[in-house]
C-alpha atoms as a PDB file:
ATOM      1  CA  UNK A   1      86.002 126.398 119.990  1.00  0.00           C
ATOM      2  CA  UNK A   2      86.664 126.387 116.254  1.00  0.00           C
ATOM      3  CA  UNK A   3      88.879 123.359 116.741  1.00  0.00           C
ATOM      4  CA  UNK A   4      86.003 121.449 118.370  1.00  0.00           C
ATOM      5  CA  UNK A   5      83.716 122.408 115.503  1.00  0.00           C
ATOM      6  CA  UNK A   6      86.261 121.171 112.937  1.00  0.00           C
ATOM      7  CA  UNK A   7      86.623 117.923 114.871  1.00  0.00           C
ATOM      8  CA  UNK A   8      82.846 117.495 114.903  1.00  0.00           C
ATOM      9  CA  UNK A   9      82.714 118.081 111.135  1.00  0.00           C
ATOM     10  CA  UNK A  10      85.566 115.617 110.599  1.00  0.00           C
ATOM     11  CA  UNK A  11      83.748 112.992 112.682  1.00  0.00           C
ATOM     12  CA  UNK A  12      80.556 113.491 110.679  1.00  0.00           C
ATOM     13  CA  UNK A  13      82.598 113.233 107.473  1.00  0.00           C
ATOM     14  CA  UNK A  14      84.124 109.937 108.673  1.00  0.00           C
ATOM     15  CA  UNK A  15      80.684 108.512 109.562  1.00  0.00           C
ATOM     16  CA  UNK A  16      79.312 109.444 106.150  1.00  0.00           C
ATOM     17  CA  UNK A  17      82.384 107.889 104.520  1.00  0.00           C
ATOM     18  CA  UNK A  18      81.778 104.648 106.459  1.00  0.00           C
ATOM     19  CA  UNK A  19      78.086 104.657 105.476  1.00  0.00           C
ATOM     20  CA  UNK A  20      79.052 105.231 101.845  1.00  0.00           C
ATOM     21  CA  UNK A  21      81.568 102.375 101.917  1.00  0.00           C
ATOM     22  CA  UNK A  22      78.952 100.067 103.444  1.00  0.00           C
ATOM     23  CA  UNK A  23      76.397 101.030 100.800  1.00  0.00           C
ATOM     24  CA  UNK A  24      78.897 100.427  98.002  1.00  0.00           C
ATOM     25  CA  UNK A  25      79.677  96.936  99.370  1.00  0.00           C
ATOM     26  CA  UNK A  26      76.045  95.880  99.021  1.00  0.00           C
ATOM     27  CA  UNK A  27      75.335  93.525  96.108  1.00  0.00           C
ATOM     28  CA  UNK A  28      73.173  96.223  94.509  1.00  0.00           C
ATOM     29  CA  UNK A  29      73.981  99.647  95.968  1.00  0.00           C
ATOM     30  CA  UNK A  30      71.128 102.145  95.960  1.00  0.00           C
ATOM     31  CA  UNK A  31      72.266 104.862  93.563  1.00  0.00           C
ATOM     32  CA  UNK A  32      70.077 107.497  95.241  1.00  0.00           C
ATOM     33  CA  UNK A  33      71.612 106.754  98.650  1.00  0.00           C
ATOM     34  CA  UNK A  34      75.123 106.774  97.164  1.00  0.00           C
ATOM     35  CA  UNK A  35      74.514 110.112  95.434  1.00  0.00           C
ATOM     36  CA  UNK A  36      73.045 111.640  98.615  1.00  0.00           C
ATOM     37  CA  UNK A  37      75.939 110.422 100.783  1.00  0.00           C
ATOM     38  CA  UNK A  38      78.515 111.705  98.294  1.00  0.00           C
ATOM     39  CA  UNK A  39      76.824 115.116  98.247  1.00  0.00           C
ATOM     40  CA  UNK A  40      76.790 115.291 102.060  1.00  0.00           C
ATOM     41  CA  UNK A  41      80.424 114.213 102.204  1.00  0.00           C
ATOM     42  CA  UNK A  42      81.458 116.880  99.701  1.00  0.00           C
ATOM     43  CA  UNK A  43      79.515 119.570 101.556  1.00  0.00           C
ATOM     44  CA  UNK A  44      81.231 118.651 104.818  1.00  0.00           C
ATOM     45  CA  UNK A  45      84.623 118.618 103.109  1.00  0.00           C
ATOM     46  CA  UNK A  46      83.949 122.146 101.851  1.00  0.00           C
ATOM     47  CA  UNK A  47      82.912 123.260 105.347  1.00  0.00           C
ATOM     48  CA  UNK A  48      86.097 121.772 106.830  1.00  0.00           C
ATOM     49  CA  UNK A  49      88.204 123.508 104.175  1.00  0.00           C
ATOM     50  CA  UNK A  50      86.474 126.805 104.872  1.00  0.00           C
ATOM     51  CA  UNK A  51      87.272 126.429 108.578  1.00  0.00           C
ATOM     52  CA  UNK A  52      90.952 125.970 107.792  1.00  0.00           C
ATOM     53  CA  UNK A  53      91.197 129.209 105.804  1.00  0.00           C
END
């Protein structure tokens, strides 16, 4: 069960990472969107780390 939850978090993290990369490739990235995506990505990374310990 916990393994499935970690996998779900990792998948969400990967999707956010892809969205962030796409936003950064735009000619003029939206700084608010970039900041929001980075915050979500960091939060998920913390959740994944907490699951491992």
